[in-house]
Structures are given as C-alpha cells and as structure tokens.
Amino acid sequence: MTTKRASAETARWQALDQRHHLHPFTDYKDFAGKNSRIITKAKGVYLWDSEGNRLLDGMAGLWCVNLGYGRAELAEAAHRQLLELPYYNTFFQTATPPPVELAAVLAELTPAGLSRVGVLGIY
C-alpha cells in the first residue's frame, strides 16, 4: 500500500499539533505516531483539508455549524454584534439583549408550557 506524502506545510502543522495541541476525548497512546487531518477551508456543508481533499461535514463542526459554513449574512450579523458587544456572560443575574431576544423568539416557537430558554436547553 502506498501512502501519499503530506505537503511541507501540512507536515509542519501536523508536527506542531503533535507537540503542542491537546485534543479533547483523545486516547494519546493510540494517537502517538499518527497525524491529524488539518482542516483549512469550509463552504456550505463541505470542508477541505490542507491537502485539498473535499469532505462532507456530517457532524456540522461538532453540531455548532448546522447552518453551514460561509454564510455571509451570519458573518455580517456576527460582525455587527462583535463591534457592539462581543461577549458577556449571563451569570449573576446579568443579561444582554441578543440572548434575551432569542429566548423570546424560541419561546414563541415551542409548544405551550415551554417558555424559558437557558444554557441547558428549553425548560
């Protein structure tokens, strides 16, 4: 069996990954001597690795990119929000407008009796 040799840039990233990056839920004994797939680009439901291979992202970026990659309208909305208030927690009886507004919209869409939305889901 022949193995395609990685490009110099991919090999560099893989070496850095092996030396410095901790991957969650990884058996490091099993991972020793193996290389990570380096993802460099995404559009719609597809990803591309550093070797130019196109992959279907069936896990939607581990379930957090279910609307797809490269959505200009989402990037523009995020940009506007990042300029205004990039982040603040909602602990300690504090709120910010985006999650408050989103919670109200989600409450309208859920069945009767489910009217509150929080970090752990709808309850």
PDB file of N, CA and C in Angstrom:
ATOM      1  N   MET A   1       0.844  -1.180   0.000  1.00  0.00           N
ATOM      2  CA  MET A   1       0.000   0.000   0.000  1.00  0.00           C
ATOM      3  C   MET A   1       0.882   1.234   0.000  1.00  0.00           C
ATOM      4  N   THR A   2       0.608   2.179  -0.880  1.00  0.00           N
ATOM      5  CA  THR A   2       1.380   3.410  -0.913  1.00  0.00           C
ATOM      6  C   THR A   2       0.642   4.486  -0.137  1.00  0.00           C
ATOM      7  N   THR A   3       1.398   5.300   0.517  1.00  0.00           N
ATOM      8  CA  THR A   3       0.829   6.398   1.292  1.00  0.00           C
ATOM      9  C   THR A   3       1.263   7.704   0.666  1.00  0.00           C
ATOM     10  N   LYS A   4       0.308   8.566   0.411  1.00  0.00           N
ATOM     11  CA  LYS A   4       0.616   9.866  -0.148  1.00  0.00           C
ATOM     12  C   LYS A   4       1.360  10.692   0.892  1.00  0.00           C
ATOM     13  N   ARG A   5       2.445  11.284   0.474  1.00  0.00           N
ATOM     14  CA  ARG A   5       3.229  12.107   1.384  1.00  0.00           C
ATOM     15  C   ARG A   5       2.587  13.489   1.526  1.00  0.00           C
ATOM     16  N   ALA A   6       2.484  13.960   2.750  1.00  0.00           N
ATOM     17  CA  ALA A   6       1.873  15.256   3.026  1.00  0.00           C
ATOM     18  C   ALA A   6       2.764  16.381   2.517  1.00  0.00           C
ATOM     19  N   SER A   7       2.124  17.487   2.142  1.00  0.00           N
ATOM     20  CA  SER A   7       2.889  18.661   1.741  1.00  0.00           C
ATOM     21  C   SER A   7       3.716  19.156   2.925  1.00  0.00           C
ATOM     22  N   ALA A   8       4.704  19.978   2.635  1.00  0.00           N
ATOM     23  CA  ALA A   8       5.577  20.502   3.695  1.00  0.00           C
ATOM     24  C   ALA A   8       4.774  21.298   4.726  1.00  0.00           C
ATOM     25  N   GLU A   9       3.809  22.095   4.268  1.00  0.00           N
ATOM     26  CA  GLU A   9       3.012  22.899   5.201  1.00  0.00           C
ATOM     27  C   GLU A   9       2.133  21.999   6.070  1.00  0.00           C
ATOM     28  N   THR A  10       1.516  20.993   5.478  1.00  0.00           N
ATOM     29  CA  THR A  10       0.711  20.049   6.254  1.00  0.00           C
ATOM     30  C   THR A  10       1.578  19.331   7.272  1.00  0.00           C
ATOM     31  N   ALA A  11       2.719  18.864   6.848  1.00  0.00           N
ATOM     32  CA  ALA A  11       3.633  18.161   7.759  1.00  0.00           C
ATOM     33  C   ALA A  11       4.064  19.068   8.910  1.00  0.00           C
ATOM     34  N   ARG A  12       4.305  20.341   8.619  1.00  0.00           N
ATOM     35  CA  ARG A  12       4.684  21.299   9.676  1.00  0.00           C
ATOM     36  C   ARG A  12       3.550  21.454  10.677  1.00  0.00           C
ATOM     37  N   TRP A  13       2.316  21.639  10.191  1.00  0.00           N
ATOM     38  CA  TRP A  13       1.163  21.774  11.085  1.00  0.00           C
ATOM     39  C   TRP A  13       0.964  20.499  11.899  1.00  0.00           C
ATOM     40  N   GLN A  14       1.122  19.354  11.272  1.00  0.00           N
ATOM     41  CA  GLN A  14       0.945  18.091  11.985  1.00  0.00           C
ATOM     42  C   GLN A  14       1.996  17.916  13.074  1.00  0.00           C
ATOM     43  N   ALA A  15       3.220  18.314  12.781  1.00  0.00           N
ATOM     44  CA  ALA A  15       4.283  18.222  13.795  1.00  0.00           C
ATOM     45  C   ALA A  15       3.988  19.154  14.966  1.00  0.00           C
ATOM     46  N   LEU A  16       3.570  20.371  14.668  1.00  0.00           N
ATOM     47  CA  LEU A  16       3.210  21.315  15.736  1.00  0.00           C
ATOM     48  C   LEU A  16       2.032  20.781  16.548  1.00  0.00           C
ATOM     49  N   ASP A  17       1.064  20.202  15.858  1.00  0.00           N
ATOM     50  CA  ASP A  17      -0.102  19.626  16.522  1.00  0.00           C
ATOM     51  C   ASP A  17       0.329  18.527  17.489  1.00  0.00           C
ATOM     52  N   GLN A  18       1.190  17.628  17.031  1.00  0.00           N
ATOM     53  CA  GLN A  18       1.669  16.532  17.885  1.00  0.00           C
ATOM     54  C   GLN A  18       2.405  17.053  19.119  1.00  0.00           C
ATOM     55  N   ARG A  19       3.183  18.100  18.937  1.00  0.00           N
ATOM     56  CA  ARG A  19       3.999  18.617  20.042  1.00  0.00           C
ATOM     57  C   ARG A  19       3.234  19.493  21.025  1.00  0.00           C
ATOM     58  N   HIS A  20       2.210  20.232  20.543  1.00  0.00           N
ATOM     59  CA  HIS A  20       1.663  21.294  21.387  1.00  0.00           C
ATOM     60  C   HIS A  20       0.150  21.294  21.605  1.00  0.00           C
ATOM     61  N   HIS A  21      -0.609  20.587  20.801  1.00  0.00           N
ATOM     62  CA  HIS A  21      -2.063  20.719  20.850  1.00  0.00           C
ATOM     63  C   HIS A  21      -2.693  19.523  21.562  1.00  0.00           C
ATOM     64  N   LEU A  22      -3.488  19.796  22.566  1.00  0.00           N
ATOM     65  CA  LEU A  22      -4.232  18.746  23.266  1.00  0.00           C
ATOM     66  C   LEU A  22      -5.611  18.615  22.628  1.00  0.00           C
ATOM     67  N   HIS A  23      -5.933  17.419  22.155  1.00  0.00           N
ATOM     68  CA  HIS A  23      -7.235  17.150  21.538  1.00  0.00           C
ATOM     69  C   HIS A  23      -8.177  16.561  22.581  1.00  0.00           C
ATOM     70  N   PRO A  24      -9.386  17.102  22.712  1.00  0.00           N
ATOM     71  CA  PRO A  24     -10.329  16.522  23.665  1.00  0.00           C
ATOM     72  C   PRO A  24     -10.730  15.103  23.252  1.00  0.00           C
ATOM     73  N   PHE A  25     -11.062  14.285  24.223  1.00  0.00           N
ATOM     74  CA  PHE A  25     -11.549  12.919  24.005  1.00  0.00           C
ATOM     75  C   PHE A  25     -10.593  12.105  23.131  1.00  0.00           C
ATOM     76  N   THR A  26      -9.308  12.225  23.383  1.00  0.00           N
ATOM     77  CA  THR A  26      -8.308  11.524  22.581  1.00  0.00           C
ATOM     78  C   THR A  26      -7.524  10.549  23.443  1.00  0.00           C
ATOM     79  N   ASP A  27      -7.369   9.340  22.942  1.00  0.00           N
ATOM     80  CA  ASP A  27      -6.515   8.340  23.567  1.00  0.00           C
ATOM     81  C   ASP A  27      -5.110   8.603  23.028  1.00  0.00           C
ATOM     82  N   TYR A  28      -4.255   9.198  23.837  1.00  0.00           N
ATOM     83  CA  TYR A  28      -2.944   9.630  23.358  1.00  0.00           C
ATOM     84  C   TYR A  28      -1.998   8.461  23.092  1.00  0.00           C
ATOM     85  N   LYS A  29      -2.219   7.324  23.706  1.00  0.00           N
ATOM     86  CA  LYS A  29      -1.424   6.146  23.353  1.00  0.00           C
ATOM     87  C   LYS A  29      -1.751   5.744  21.920  1.00  0.00           C
ATOM     88  N   ASP A  30      -3.024   5.734  21.587  1.00  0.00           N
ATOM     89  CA  ASP A  30      -3.456   5.377  20.244  1.00  0.00           C
ATOM     90  C   ASP A  30      -3.040   6.445  19.224  1.00  0.00           C
ATOM     91  N   PHE A  31      -3.033   7.687  19.636  1.00  0.00           N
ATOM     92  CA  PHE A  31      -2.739   8.813  18.741  1.00  0.00           C
ATOM     93  C   PHE A  31      -1.244   8.947  18.462  1.00  0.00           C
ATOM     94  N   ALA A  32      -0.408   8.413  19.317  1.00  0.00           N
ATOM     95  CA  ALA A  32       1.044   8.524  19.148  1.00  0.00           C
ATOM     96  C   ALA A  32       1.457   7.985  17.786  1.00  0.00           C
ATOM     97  N   GLY A  33       2.253   8.765  17.076  1.00  0.00           N
ATOM     98  CA  GLY A  33       2.747   8.341  15.773  1.00  0.00           C
ATOM     99  C   GLY A  33       1.773   8.566  14.631  1.00  0.00           C
ATOM    100  N   LYS A  34       0.588   9.058  14.927  1.00  0.00           N
ATOM    101  CA  LYS A  34      -0.401   9.356  13.888  1.00  0.00           C
ATOM    102  C   LYS A  34      -0.419  10.861  13.659  1.00  0.00           C
ATOM    103  N   ASN A  35      -1.030  11.258  12.584  1.00  0.00           N
ATOM    104  CA  ASN A  35      -1.144  12.684  12.277  1.00  0.00           C
ATOM    105  C   ASN A  35      -2.598  13.106  12.186  1.00  0.00           C
ATOM    106  N   SER A  36      -2.867  14.310  12.614  1.00  0.00           N
ATOM    107  CA  SER A  36      -4.202  14.883  12.495  1.00  0.00           C
ATOM    108  C   SER A  36      -4.470  15.281  11.057  1.00  0.00           C
ATOM    109  N   ARG A  37      -5.732  15.257  10.700  1.00  0.00           N
ATOM    110  CA  ARG A  37      -6.160  15.848   9.434  1.00  0.00           C
ATOM    111  C   ARG A  37      -6.276  17.348   9.710  1.00  0.00           C
ATOM    112  N   ILE A  38      -5.645  18.163   8.902  1.00  0.00           N
ATOM    113  CA  ILE A  38      -5.650  19.611   9.102  1.00  0.00           C
ATOM    114  C   ILE A  38      -6.713  20.217   8.190  1.00  0.00           C
ATOM    115  N   ILE A  39      -7.750  20.785   8.785  1.00  0.00           N
ATOM    116  CA  ILE A  39      -8.836  21.403   8.029  1.00  0.00           C
ATOM    117  C   ILE A  39      -8.485  22.870   7.805  1.00  0.00           C
ATOM    118  N   THR A  40      -8.593  23.322   6.562  1.00  0.00           N
ATOM    119  CA  THR A  40      -8.165  24.687   6.237  1.00  0.00           C
ATOM    120  C   THR A  40      -9.251  25.564   5.635  1.00  0.00           C
ATOM    121  N   LYS A  41     -10.361  24.982   5.190  1.00  0.00           N
ATOM    122  CA  LYS A  41     -11.367  25.771   4.477  1.00  0.00           C
ATOM    123  C   LYS A  41     -12.718  25.102   4.629  1.00  0.00           C
ATOM    124  N   ALA A  42     -13.785  25.895   4.571  1.00  0.00           N
ATOM    125  CA  ALA A  42     -15.140  25.359   4.643  1.00  0.00           C
ATOM    126  C   ALA A  42     -16.085  26.228   3.827  1.00  0.00           C
ATOM    127  N   LYS A  43     -17.077  25.591   3.229  1.00  0.00           N
ATOM    128  CA  LYS A  43     -18.107  26.304   2.467  1.00  0.00           C
ATOM    129  C   LYS A  43     -19.333  25.421   2.411  1.00  0.00           C
ATOM    130  N   GLY A  44     -20.468  25.976   2.808  1.00  0.00           N
ATOM    131  CA  GLY A  44     -21.700  25.189   2.810  1.00  0.00           C
ATOM    132  C   GLY A  44     -21.579  24.012   3.761  1.00  0.00           C
ATOM    133  N   VAL A  45     -21.733  22.800   3.248  1.00  0.00           N
ATOM    134  CA  VAL A  45     -21.644  21.601   4.080  1.00  0.00           C
ATOM    135  C   VAL A  45     -20.308  20.882   3.900  1.00  0.00           C
ATOM    136  N   TYR A  46     -19.378  21.513   3.204  1.00  0.00           N
ATOM    137  CA  TYR A  46     -18.100  20.865   2.903  1.00  0.00           C
ATOM    138  C   TYR A  46     -16.927  21.507   3.620  1.00  0.00           C
ATOM    139  N   LEU A  47     -15.922  20.673   3.890  1.00  0.00           N
ATOM    140  CA  LEU A  47     -14.641  21.098   4.440  1.00  0.00           C
ATOM    141  C   LEU A  47     -13.563  20.696   3.446  1.00  0.00           C
ATOM    142  N   TRP A  48     -12.427  21.376   3.488  1.00  0.00           N
ATOM    143  CA  TRP A  48     -11.262  20.981   2.717  1.00  0.00           C
ATOM    144  C   TRP A  48     -10.096  20.856   3.671  1.00  0.00           C
ATOM    145  N   ASP A  49      -9.318  19.804   3.490  1.00  0.00           N
ATOM    146  CA  ASP A  49      -8.132  19.663   4.320  1.00  0.00           C
ATOM    147  C   ASP A  49      -6.938  20.316   3.633  1.00  0.00           C
ATOM    148  N   SER A  50      -5.831  20.333   4.333  1.00  0.00           N
ATOM    149  CA  SER A  50      -4.640  21.030   3.845  1.00  0.00           C
ATOM    150  C   SER A  50      -4.036  20.373   2.612  1.00  0.00           C
ATOM    151  N   GLU A  51      -4.525  19.196   2.266  1.00  0.00           N
ATOM    152  CA  GLU A  51      -4.055  18.512   1.063  1.00  0.00           C
ATOM    153  C   GLU A  51      -5.024  18.687  -0.106  1.00  0.00           C
ATOM    154  N   GLY A  52      -6.081  19.507   0.103  1.00  0.00           N
ATOM    155  CA  GLY A  52      -7.038  19.785  -0.967  1.00  0.00           C
ATOM    156  C   GLY A  52      -8.182  18.803  -1.082  1.00  0.00           C
ATOM    157  N   ASN A  53      -8.299  17.851  -0.165  1.00  0.00           N
ATOM    158  CA  ASN A  53      -9.395  16.884  -0.194  1.00  0.00           C
ATOM    159  C   ASN A  53     -10.677  17.518   0.324  1.00  0.00           C
ATOM    160  N   ARG A  54     -11.775  17.356  -0.434  1.00  0.00           N
ATOM    161  CA  ARG A  54     -13.080  17.871  -0.015  1.00  0.00           C
ATOM    162  C   ARG A  54     -13.797  16.795   0.785  1.00  0.00           C
ATOM    163  N   LEU A  55     -14.378  17.202   1.924  1.00  0.00           N
ATOM    164  CA  LEU A  55     -15.053  16.275   2.834  1.00  0.00           C
ATOM    165  C   LEU A  55     -16.436  16.814   3.178  1.00  0.00           C
ATOM    166  N   LEU A  56     -17.403  15.945   3.269  1.00  0.00           N
ATOM    167  CA  LEU A  56     -18.729  16.325   3.741  1.00  0.00           C
ATOM    168  C   LEU A  56     -18.667  16.421   5.260  1.00  0.00           C
ATOM    169  N   ASP A  57     -19.047  17.561   5.822  1.00  0.00           N
ATOM    170  CA  ASP A  57     -19.016  17.724   7.279  1.00  0.00           C
ATOM    171  C   ASP A  57     -20.331  17.231   7.863  1.00  0.00           C
ATOM    172  N   GLY A  58     -20.457  15.923   7.990  1.00  0.00           N
ATOM    173  CA  GLY A  58     -21.675  15.313   8.505  1.00  0.00           C
ATOM    174  C   GLY A  58     -21.955  15.630   9.962  1.00  0.00           C
ATOM    175  N   MET A  59     -20.943  16.067  10.698  1.00  0.00           N
ATOM    176  CA  MET A  59     -21.146  16.407  12.111  1.00  0.00           C
ATOM    177  C   MET A  59     -21.367  17.900  12.317  1.00  0.00           C
ATOM    178  N   ALA A  60     -21.421  18.666  11.238  1.00  0.00           N
ATOM    179  CA  ALA A  60     -21.664  20.107  11.321  1.00  0.00           C
ATOM    180  C   ALA A  60     -20.741  20.777  12.331  1.00  0.00           C
ATOM    181  N   GLY A  61     -19.447  20.518  12.177  1.00  0.00           N
ATOM    182  CA  GLY A  61     -18.478  21.143  13.080  1.00  0.00           C
ATOM    183  C   GLY A  61     -18.727  20.780  14.517  1.00  0.00           C
ATOM    184  N   LEU A  62     -19.067  19.517  14.773  1.00  0.00           N
ATOM    185  CA  LEU A  62     -19.439  19.023  16.094  1.00  0.00           C
ATOM    186  C   LEU A  62     -20.711  19.727  16.577  1.00  0.00           C
ATOM    187  N   TRP A  63     -21.667  19.813  15.689  1.00  0.00           N
ATOM    188  CA  TRP A  63     -23.025  20.275  15.937  1.00  0.00           C
ATOM    189  C   TRP A  63     -23.165  21.777  16.161  1.00  0.00           C
ATOM    190  N   CYS A  64     -22.156  22.568  15.847  1.00  0.00           N
ATOM    191  CA  CYS A  64     -22.307  24.010  16.091  1.00  0.00           C
ATOM    192  C   CYS A  64     -22.298  24.824  14.803  1.00  0.00           C
ATOM    193  N   VAL A  65     -22.283  24.161  13.649  1.00  0.00           N
ATOM    194  CA  VAL A  65     -22.323  24.877  12.374  1.00  0.00           C
ATOM    195  C   VAL A  65     -23.440  24.265  11.521  1.00  0.00           C
ATOM    196  N   ASN A  66     -24.569  24.019  12.156  1.00  0.00           N
ATOM    197  CA  ASN A  66     -25.652  23.343  11.458  1.00  0.00           C
ATOM    198  C   ASN A  66     -26.295  24.195  10.367  1.00  0.00           C
ATOM    199  N   LEU A  67     -25.987  25.466  10.281  1.00  0.00           N
ATOM    200  CA  LEU A  67     -26.497  26.309   9.200  1.00  0.00           C
ATOM    201  C   LEU A  67     -25.528  26.382   8.038  1.00  0.00           C
ATOM    202  N   GLY A  68     -24.389  25.717   8.148  1.00  0.00           N
ATOM    203  CA  GLY A  68     -23.418  25.688   7.063  1.00  0.00           C
ATOM    204  C   GLY A  68     -22.330  26.733   7.243  1.00  0.00           C
ATOM    205  N   TYR A  69     -21.269  26.538   6.480  1.00  0.00           N
ATOM    206  CA  TYR A  69     -20.117  27.442   6.517  1.00  0.00           C
ATOM    207  C   TYR A  69     -20.240  28.494   5.419  1.00  0.00           C
ATOM    208  N   GLY A  70     -19.614  29.637   5.652  1.00  0.00           N
ATOM    209  CA  GLY A  70     -19.541  30.664   4.614  1.00  0.00           C
ATOM    210  C   GLY A  70     -20.824  31.429   4.399  1.00  0.00           C
ATOM    211  N   ARG A  71     -21.683  31.470   5.377  1.00  0.00           N
ATOM    212  CA  ARG A  71     -22.950  32.189   5.241  1.00  0.00           C
ATOM    213  C   ARG A  71     -22.693  33.667   5.504  1.00  0.00           C
ATOM    214  N   ALA A  72     -22.667  34.465   4.433  1.00  0.00           N
ATOM    215  CA  ALA A  72     -22.335  35.889   4.518  1.00  0.00           C
ATOM    216  C   ALA A  72     -23.259  36.631   5.479  1.00  0.00           C
ATOM    217  N   GLU A  73     -24.552  36.323   5.456  1.00  0.00           N
ATOM    218  CA  GLU A  73     -25.487  37.046   6.326  1.00  0.00           C
ATOM    219  C   GLU A  73     -25.208  36.774   7.800  1.00  0.00           C
ATOM    220  N   LEU A  74     -24.768  35.564   8.123  1.00  0.00           N
ATOM    221  CA  LEU A  74     -24.422  35.263   9.511  1.00  0.00           C
ATOM    222  C   LEU A  74     -23.121  35.940   9.914  1.00  0.00           C
ATOM    223  N   ALA A  75     -22.155  35.976   9.007  1.00  0.00           N
ATOM    224  CA  ALA A  75     -20.885  36.658   9.290  1.00  0.00           C
ATOM    225  C   ALA A  75     -21.115  38.159   9.496  1.00  0.00           C
ATOM    226  N   GLU A  76     -21.986  38.739   8.688  1.00  0.00           N
ATOM    227  CA  GLU A  76     -22.285  40.172   8.831  1.00  0.00           C
ATOM    228  C   GLU A  76     -22.996  40.459  10.149  1.00  0.00           C
ATOM    229  N   ALA A  77     -23.944  39.614  10.524  1.00  0.00           N
ATOM    230  CA  ALA A  77     -24.639  39.797  11.803  1.00  0.00           C
ATOM    231  C   ALA A  77     -23.661  39.633  12.964  1.00  0.00           C
ATOM    232  N   ALA A  78     -22.790  38.644  12.868  1.00  0.00           N
ATOM    233  CA  ALA A  78     -21.791  38.444  13.922  1.00  0.00           C
ATOM    234  C   ALA A  78     -20.841  39.630  13.995  1.00  0.00           C
ATOM    235  N   HIS A  79     -20.438  40.157  12.851  1.00  0.00           N
ATOM    236  CA  HIS A  79     -19.538  41.315  12.824  1.00  0.00           C
ATOM    237  C   HIS A  79     -20.173  42.517  13.522  1.00  0.00           C
ATOM    238  N   ARG A  80     -21.437  42.769  13.202  1.00  0.00           N
ATOM    239  CA  ARG A  80     -22.132  43.895  13.857  1.00  0.00           C
ATOM    240  C   ARG A  80     -22.164  43.691  15.371  1.00  0.00           C
ATOM    241  N   GLN A  81     -22.473  42.458  15.809  1.00  0.00           N
ATOM    242  CA  GLN A  81     -22.553  42.192  17.239  1.00  0.00           C
ATOM    243  C   GLN A  81     -21.182  42.271  17.894  1.00  0.00           C
ATOM    244  N   LEU A  82     -20.148  41.779  17.215  1.00  0.00           N
ATOM    245  CA  LEU A  82     -18.796  41.825  17.774  1.00  0.00           C
ATOM    246  C   LEU A  82     -18.332  43.259  17.979  1.00  0.00           C
ATOM    247  N   LEU A  83     -18.738  44.165  17.114  1.00  0.00           N
ATOM    248  CA  LEU A  83     -18.376  45.572  17.282  1.00  0.00           C
ATOM    249  C   LEU A  83     -19.111  46.200  18.466  1.00  0.00           C
ATOM    250  N   GLU A  84     -20.339  45.762  18.691  1.00  0.00           N
ATOM    251  CA  GLU A  84     -21.163  46.322  19.766  1.00  0.00           C
ATOM    252  C   GLU A  84     -20.819  45.719  21.131  1.00  0.00           C
ATOM    253  N   LEU A  85     -20.901  44.427  21.232  1.00  0.00           N
ATOM    254  CA  LEU A  85     -20.624  43.701  22.479  1.00  0.00           C
ATOM    255  C   LEU A  85     -20.280  42.266  22.098  1.00  0.00           C
ATOM    256  N   PRO A  86     -18.988  41.944  22.008  1.00  0.00           N
ATOM    257  CA  PRO A  86     -18.608  40.612  21.544  1.00  0.00           C
ATOM    258  C   PRO A  86     -19.057  39.491  22.474  1.00  0.00           C
ATOM    259  N   TYR A  87     -19.045  39.721  23.760  1.00  0.00           N
ATOM    260  CA  TYR A  87     -19.427  38.680  24.703  1.00  0.00           C
ATOM    261  C   TYR A  87     -19.586  39.286  26.083  1.00  0.00           C
ATOM    262  N   TYR A  88     -20.532  38.785  26.796  1.00  0.00           N
ATOM    263  CA  TYR A  88     -20.591  38.960  28.233  1.00  0.00           C
ATOM    264  C   TYR A  88     -21.421  37.822  28.770  1.00  0.00           C
ATOM    265  N   ASN A  89     -21.031  37.307  29.933  1.00  0.00           N
ATOM    266  CA  ASN A  89     -21.724  36.144  30.489  1.00  0.00           C
ATOM    267  C   ASN A  89     -23.101  36.527  31.002  1.00  0.00           C
ATOM    268  N   THR A  90     -23.927  35.501  31.214  1.00  0.00           N
ATOM    269  CA  THR A  90     -25.260  35.740  31.769  1.00  0.00           C
ATOM    270  C   THR A  90     -25.397  35.148  33.172  1.00  0.00           C
ATOM    271  N   PHE A  91     -24.268  34.979  33.825  1.00  0.00           N
ATOM    272  CA  PHE A  91     -24.280  34.552  35.220  1.00  0.00           C
ATOM    273  C   PHE A  91     -24.594  35.757  36.119  1.00  0.00           C
ATOM    274  N   PHE A  92     -24.878  35.490  37.371  1.00  0.00           N
ATOM    275  CA  PHE A  92     -25.026  36.525  38.399  1.00  0.00           C
ATOM    276  C   PHE A  92     -26.109  37.539  38.059  1.00  0.00           C
ATOM    277  N   GLN A  93     -27.233  37.058  37.559  1.00  0.00           N
ATOM    278  CA  GLN A  93     -28.405  37.898  37.283  1.00  0.00           C
ATOM    279  C   GLN A  93     -28.097  39.017  36.296  1.00  0.00           C
ATOM    280  N   THR A  94     -27.314  38.709  35.281  1.00  0.00           N
ATOM    281  CA  THR A  94     -26.964  39.666  34.235  1.00  0.00           C
ATOM    282  C   THR A  94     -27.468  39.124  32.909  1.00  0.00           C
ATOM    283  N   ALA A  95     -27.871  40.009  32.015  1.00  0.00           N
ATOM    284  CA  ALA A  95     -28.333  39.587  30.695  1.00  0.00           C
ATOM    285  C   ALA A  95     -27.825  40.572  29.648  1.00  0.00           C
ATOM    286  N   THR A  96     -27.826  40.132  28.406  1.00  0.00           N
ATOM    287  CA  THR A  96     -27.525  41.006  27.275  1.00  0.00           C
ATOM    288  C   THR A  96     -28.669  40.860  26.280  1.00  0.00           C
ATOM    289  N   PRO A  97     -28.900  41.853  25.440  1.00  0.00           N
ATOM    290  CA  PRO A  97     -30.051  41.786  24.529  1.00  0.00           C
ATOM    291  C   PRO A  97     -30.114  40.577  23.593  1.00  0.00           C
ATOM    292  N   PRO A  98     -29.026  40.149  22.926  1.00  0.00           N
ATOM    293  CA  PRO A  98     -29.187  39.033  21.983  1.00  0.00           C
ATOM    294  C   PRO A  98     -29.772  37.750  22.581  1.00  0.00           C
ATOM    295  N   PRO A  99     -29.258  37.235  23.710  1.00  0.00           N
ATOM    296  CA  PRO A  99     -29.881  36.010  24.225  1.00  0.00           C
ATOM    297  C   PRO A  99     -31.290  36.234  24.762  1.00  0.00           C
ATOM    298  N   VAL A 100     -31.565  37.426  25.264  1.00  0.00           N
ATOM    299  CA  VAL A 100     -32.918  37.729  25.747  1.00  0.00           C
ATOM    300  C   VAL A 100     -33.901  37.711  24.571  1.00  0.00           C
ATOM    301  N   GLU A 101     -33.531  38.365  23.482  1.00  0.00           N
ATOM    302  CA  GLU A 101     -34.387  38.398  22.282  1.00  0.00           C
ATOM    303  C   GLU A 101     -34.539  36.997  21.689  1.00  0.00           C
ATOM    304  N   LEU A 102     -33.448  36.245  21.603  1.00  0.00           N
ATOM    305  CA  LEU A 102     -33.509  34.899  21.060  1.00  0.00           C
ATOM    306  C   LEU A 102     -34.390  34.003  21.923  1.00  0.00           C
ATOM    307  N   ALA A 103     -34.266  34.111  23.231  1.00  0.00           N
ATOM    308  CA  ALA A 103     -35.091  33.307  24.132  1.00  0.00           C
ATOM    309  C   ALA A 103     -36.572  33.578  23.890  1.00  0.00           C
ATOM    310  N   ALA A 104     -36.922  34.842  23.672  1.00  0.00           N
ATOM    311  CA  ALA A 104     -38.324  35.193  23.423  1.00  0.00           C
ATOM    312  C   ALA A 104     -38.815  34.570  22.118  1.00  0.00           C
ATOM    313  N   VAL A 105     -38.003  34.613  21.072  1.00  0.00           N
ATOM    314  CA  VAL A 105     -38.383  34.012  19.785  1.00  0.00           C
ATOM    315  C   VAL A 105     -38.532  32.503  19.935  1.00  0.00           C
ATOM    316  N   LEU A 106     -37.586  31.860  20.594  1.00  0.00           N
ATOM    317  CA  LEU A 106     -37.651  30.408  20.767  1.00  0.00           C
ATOM    318  C   LEU A 106     -38.858  30.001  21.607  1.00  0.00           C
ATOM    319  N   ALA A 107     -39.178  30.799  22.616  1.00  0.00           N
ATOM    320  CA  ALA A 107     -40.345  30.504  23.455  1.00  0.00           C
ATOM    321  C   ALA A 107     -41.626  30.559  22.628  1.00  0.00           C
ATOM    322  N   GLU A 108     -41.684  31.455  21.663  1.00  0.00           N
ATOM    323  CA  GLU A 108     -42.862  31.548  20.788  1.00  0.00           C
ATOM    324  C   GLU A 108     -42.988  30.313  19.889  1.00  0.00           C
ATOM    325  N   LEU A 109     -41.877  29.703  19.548  1.00  0.00           N
ATOM    326  CA  LEU A 109     -41.875  28.566  18.631  1.00  0.00           C
ATOM    327  C   LEU A 109     -42.098  27.222  19.314  1.00  0.00           C
ATOM    328  N   THR A 110     -41.946  27.169  20.620  1.00  0.00           N
ATOM    329  CA  THR A 110     -42.052  25.901  21.341  1.00  0.00           C
ATOM    330  C   THR A 110     -43.494  25.622  21.741  1.00  0.00           C
ATOM    331  N   PRO A 111     -43.798  24.370  22.053  1.00  0.00           N
ATOM    332  CA  PRO A 111     -45.150  24.023  22.497  1.00  0.00           C
ATOM    333  C   PRO A 111     -45.519  24.745  23.796  1.00  0.00           C
ATOM    334  N   ALA A 112     -46.803  24.845  24.019  1.00  0.00           N
ATOM    335  CA  ALA A 112     -47.315  25.502  25.232  1.00  0.00           C
ATOM    336  C   ALA A 112     -46.687  24.868  26.465  1.00  0.00           C
ATOM    337  N   GLY A 113     -46.365  25.701  27.443  1.00  0.00           N
ATOM    338  CA  GLY A 113     -45.784  25.231  28.691  1.00  0.00           C
ATOM    339  C   GLY A 113     -44.266  25.279  28.699  1.00  0.00           C
ATOM    340  N   LEU A 114     -43.657  25.441  27.536  1.00  0.00           N
ATOM    341  CA  LEU A 114     -42.205  25.589  27.465  1.00  0.00           C
ATOM    342  C   LEU A 114     -41.931  27.050  27.111  1.00  0.00           C
ATOM    343  N   SER A 115     -41.589  27.819  28.108  1.00  0.00           N
ATOM    344  CA  SER A 115     -41.494  29.253  27.868  1.00  0.00           C
ATOM    345  C   SER A 115     -40.159  29.864  28.257  1.00  0.00           C
ATOM    346  N   ARG A 116     -39.221  29.056  28.752  1.00  0.00           N
ATOM    347  CA  ARG A 116     -37.950  29.596  29.187  1.00  0.00           C
ATOM    348  C   ARG A 116     -36.819  28.862  28.495  1.00  0.00           C
ATOM    349  N   VAL A 117     -35.835  29.599  28.045  1.00  0.00           N
ATOM    350  CA  VAL A 117     -34.689  29.026  27.342  1.00  0.00           C
ATOM    351  C   VAL A 117     -33.444  29.372  28.130  1.00  0.00           C
ATOM    352  N   GLY A 118     -32.577  28.387  28.330  1.00  0.00           N
ATOM    353  CA  GLY A 118     -31.351  28.625  29.065  1.00  0.00           C
ATOM    354  C   GLY A 118     -30.197  27.855  28.464  1.00  0.00           C
ATOM    355  N   VAL A 119     -29.083  27.927  29.124  1.00  0.00           N
ATOM    356  CA  VAL A 119     -27.876  27.272  28.670  1.00  0.00           C
ATOM    357  C   VAL A 119     -28.086  25.776  28.504  1.00  0.00           C
ATOM    358  N   LEU A 120     -28.855  25.162  29.356  1.00  0.00           N
ATOM    359  CA  LEU A 120     -29.031  23.723  29.321  1.00  0.00           C
ATOM    360  C   LEU A 120     -30.211  23.304  28.444  1.00  0.00           C
ATOM    361  N   GLY A 121     -30.835  24.227  27.750  1.00  0.00           N
ATOM    362  CA  GLY A 121     -31.927  23.866  26.851  1.00  0.00           C
ATOM    363  C   GLY A 121     -33.207  24.578  27.195  1.00  0.00           C
ATOM    364  N   ILE A 122     -34.276  24.068  26.653  1.00  0.00           N
ATOM    365  CA  ILE A 122     -35.601  24.663  26.876  1.00  0.00           C
ATOM    366  C   ILE A 122     -36.264  23.932  28.021  1.00  0.00           C
ATOM    367  N   TYR A 123     -36.799  24.705  28.966  1.00  0.00           N
ATOM    368  CA  TYR A 123     -37.447  24.081  30.118  1.00  0.00           C
ATOM    369  C   TYR A 123     -38.580  24.958  30.624  1.00  0.00           C
TER     370      TYR A 123
END
